[in-house]
Structure formats: C-alpha cells, structure tokens
Amino acid sequence: MSKTTTKTKAPKINLGGLPAQAMYIKTGKLARAVHNAERHDLYSGKTVSEILSIKPTVMTPADIKYDVKLGFITLEDSWPINKKLPL
C-alpha cells in the first residue's frame, strides 16, 4: 500500500500589477468617506496579498491604486520589522 500526498494549491490572487509583498501604510491624510477612512485604519500594516486574499472580497487592486493616487496610503516595498507603523 503506497501513501499518496496531495498538494493544495494556493488560491490565485488578482494583484492588478501591484507588488504582492508591498505593505499598505496609511499616510495620515483623512478620507472624507467614513468607509474609506476605516479601511485605511483597518488594513494599514498588511501586505497587498494579505488584503486581496480576504474572502469575501472586500478590496480590489483598483481600490488600492485609488488610495495611492489620492495620497491616503503608500505602498512600501520593504517595511522594517522593528519600525513602528505611522498612526
């Protein structure tokens, strides 16, 4: 009797051209829409792949690009572990 192992594939995430390991960091600029401001607080400090892999889908790559374009957040390629997140 032989043992077989099955590998589970990680679900594909549509990154929309965004770097998967970039950190979503809020800048301090406040959005007028309450739901957007809450989103910036909630996801600050998480990677793009972590945010986009949340099910049910709460954010899209377009949402992140919008936040960057308007200056609400920045995407940091490498965030030092010992550095505090901006509040």
C-alpha atoms as a PDB file:
ATOM      1  CA  MET A   1       0.000   0.000   0.000  1.00  0.00           C
ATOM      2  CA  SER A   2       1.541   3.291  -1.025  1.00  0.00           C
ATOM      3  CA  LYS A   3       0.923   6.618   0.577  1.00  0.00           C
ATOM      4  CA  THR A   4      -0.062   9.472  -1.625  1.00  0.00           C
ATOM      5  CA  THR A   5       0.059  13.084  -0.726  1.00  0.00           C
ATOM      6  CA  THR A   6      -1.999  15.776  -2.282  1.00  0.00           C
ATOM      7  CA  LYS A   7      -0.789  19.296  -2.578  1.00  0.00           C
ATOM      8  CA  THR A   8      -3.300  22.034  -2.126  1.00  0.00           C
ATOM      9  CA  LYS A   9      -2.841  24.958  -4.424  1.00  0.00           C
ATOM     10  CA  ALA A  10      -2.967  28.434  -3.004  1.00  0.00           C
ATOM     11  CA  PRO A  11      -5.865  30.376  -4.479  1.00  0.00           C
ATOM     12  CA  LYS A  12      -4.908  32.762  -7.255  1.00  0.00           C
ATOM     13  CA  ILE A  13      -5.000  36.401  -6.260  1.00  0.00           C
ATOM     14  CA  ASN A  14      -5.537  39.155  -8.812  1.00  0.00           C
ATOM     15  CA  LEU A  15      -2.827  41.663  -7.858  1.00  0.00           C
ATOM     16  CA  GLY A  16      -3.626  44.023 -10.720  1.00  0.00           C
ATOM     17  CA  GLY A  17       0.060  44.753 -11.252  1.00  0.00           C
ATOM     18  CA  LEU A  18       0.670  45.639  -7.594  1.00  0.00           C
ATOM     19  CA  PRO A  19       3.666  44.156  -5.741  1.00  0.00           C
ATOM     20  CA  ALA A  20       2.410  41.262  -3.596  1.00  0.00           C
ATOM     21  CA  GLN A  21       4.723  41.876  -0.632  1.00  0.00           C
ATOM     22  CA  ALA A  22       4.319  45.664  -0.510  1.00  0.00           C
ATOM     23  CA  MET A  23       2.993  46.983   2.788  1.00  0.00           C
ATOM     24  CA  TYR A  24      -0.184  49.095   2.790  1.00  0.00           C
ATOM     25  CA  ILE A  25       0.731  52.068   5.018  1.00  0.00           C
ATOM     26  CA  LYS A  26      -1.627  54.966   5.742  1.00  0.00           C
ATOM     27  CA  THR A  27      -0.175  58.457   5.336  1.00  0.00           C
ATOM     28  CA  GLY A  28      -2.301  60.422   7.773  1.00  0.00           C
ATOM     29  CA  LYS A  29      -4.381  62.128   5.084  1.00  0.00           C
ATOM     30  CA  LEU A  30      -8.028  61.501   6.018  1.00  0.00           C
ATOM     31  CA  ALA A  31     -10.629  60.388   3.520  1.00  0.00           C
ATOM     32  CA  ARG A  32     -13.979  62.173   3.637  1.00  0.00           C
ATOM     33  CA  ALA A  33     -15.909  58.936   3.173  1.00  0.00           C
ATOM     34  CA  VAL A  34     -16.096  57.171   6.512  1.00  0.00           C
ATOM     35  CA  HIS A  35     -15.906  53.687   4.973  1.00  0.00           C
ATOM     36  CA  ASN A  36     -12.662  54.619   3.176  1.00  0.00           C
ATOM     37  CA  ALA A  37     -11.091  56.112   6.326  1.00  0.00           C
ATOM     38  CA  GLU A  38     -11.991  52.955   8.262  1.00  0.00           C
ATOM     39  CA  ARG A  39     -10.454  50.841   5.502  1.00  0.00           C
ATOM     40  CA  HIS A  40      -7.160  52.755   5.742  1.00  0.00           C
ATOM     41  CA  ASP A  41      -7.004  52.176   9.505  1.00  0.00           C
ATOM     42  CA  LEU A  42      -8.015  48.522   9.253  1.00  0.00           C
ATOM     43  CA  TYR A  43      -5.536  47.445   6.576  1.00  0.00           C
ATOM     44  CA  SER A  44      -2.542  49.632   7.417  1.00  0.00           C
ATOM     45  CA  GLY A  45       0.425  47.366   8.082  1.00  0.00           C
ATOM     46  CA  LYS A  46      -0.803  44.437   5.964  1.00  0.00           C
ATOM     47  CA  THR A  47       0.674  43.296   2.678  1.00  0.00           C
ATOM     48  CA  VAL A  48      -1.155  43.710  -0.605  1.00  0.00           C
ATOM     49  CA  SER A  49      -1.505  39.930  -0.951  1.00  0.00           C
ATOM     50  CA  GLU A  50      -2.973  39.631   2.564  1.00  0.00           C
ATOM     51  CA  ILE A  51      -5.575  42.304   1.811  1.00  0.00           C
ATOM     52  CA  LEU A  52      -6.542  40.929  -1.596  1.00  0.00           C
ATOM     53  CA  SER A  53      -6.800  37.339  -0.335  1.00  0.00           C
ATOM     54  CA  ILE A  54      -9.531  38.178   2.208  1.00  0.00           C
ATOM     55  CA  LYS A  55     -12.751  36.364   1.383  1.00  0.00           C
ATOM     56  CA  PRO A  56     -15.389  37.542   0.743  1.00  0.00           C
ATOM     57  CA  THR A  57     -13.592  40.150  -1.330  1.00  0.00           C
ATOM     58  CA  VAL A  58     -13.552  43.482   0.454  1.00  0.00           C
ATOM     59  CA  MET A  59     -10.941  45.302  -1.632  1.00  0.00           C
ATOM     60  CA  THR A  60      -9.784  45.182  -5.218  1.00  0.00           C
ATOM     61  CA  PRO A  61      -6.496  46.269  -6.788  1.00  0.00           C
ATOM     62  CA  ALA A  62      -8.399  49.293  -8.123  1.00  0.00           C
ATOM     63  CA  ASP A  63      -9.262  50.345  -4.538  1.00  0.00           C
ATOM     64  CA  ILE A  64      -5.598  50.211  -3.524  1.00  0.00           C
ATOM     65  CA  LYS A  65      -4.499  52.132  -6.632  1.00  0.00           C
ATOM     66  CA  TYR A  66      -7.143  54.785  -5.872  1.00  0.00           C
ATOM     67  CA  ASP A  67      -5.874  55.151  -2.288  1.00  0.00           C
ATOM     68  CA  VAL A  68      -2.281  55.564  -3.528  1.00  0.00           C
ATOM     69  CA  LYS A  69      -3.283  58.034  -6.249  1.00  0.00           C
ATOM     70  CA  LEU A  70      -5.103  60.287  -3.779  1.00  0.00           C
ATOM     71  CA  GLY A  71      -2.342  60.052  -1.173  1.00  0.00           C
ATOM     72  CA  PHE A  72      -4.270  58.211   1.538  1.00  0.00           C
ATOM     73  CA  ILE A  73      -1.770  55.354   1.636  1.00  0.00           C
ATOM     74  CA  THR A  74       1.665  54.400   0.375  1.00  0.00           C
ATOM     75  CA  LEU A  75       2.926  51.010  -0.683  1.00  0.00           C
ATOM     76  CA  GLU A  76       6.272  50.309   0.968  1.00  0.00           C
ATOM     77  CA  ASP A  77       8.309  47.545  -0.670  1.00  0.00           C
ATOM     78  CA  SER A  78      10.150  46.603   2.489  1.00  0.00           C
ATOM     79  CA  TRP A  79       8.997  47.706   5.894  1.00  0.00           C
ATOM     80  CA  PRO A  80      11.493  47.167   8.723  1.00  0.00           C
ATOM     81  CA  ILE A  81      10.058  44.824  11.338  1.00  0.00           C
ATOM     82  CA  ASN A  82      11.268  46.955  14.247  1.00  0.00           C
ATOM     83  CA  LYS A  83       9.881  50.218  12.852  1.00  0.00           C
ATOM     84  CA  LYS A  84       6.525  51.382  14.230  1.00  0.00           C
ATOM     85  CA  LEU A  85       3.674  51.954  11.840  1.00  0.00           C
ATOM     86  CA  PRO A  86       2.544  55.565  11.412  1.00  0.00           C
ATOM     87  CA  LEU A  87      -0.725  56.275  13.213  1.00  0.00           C
END
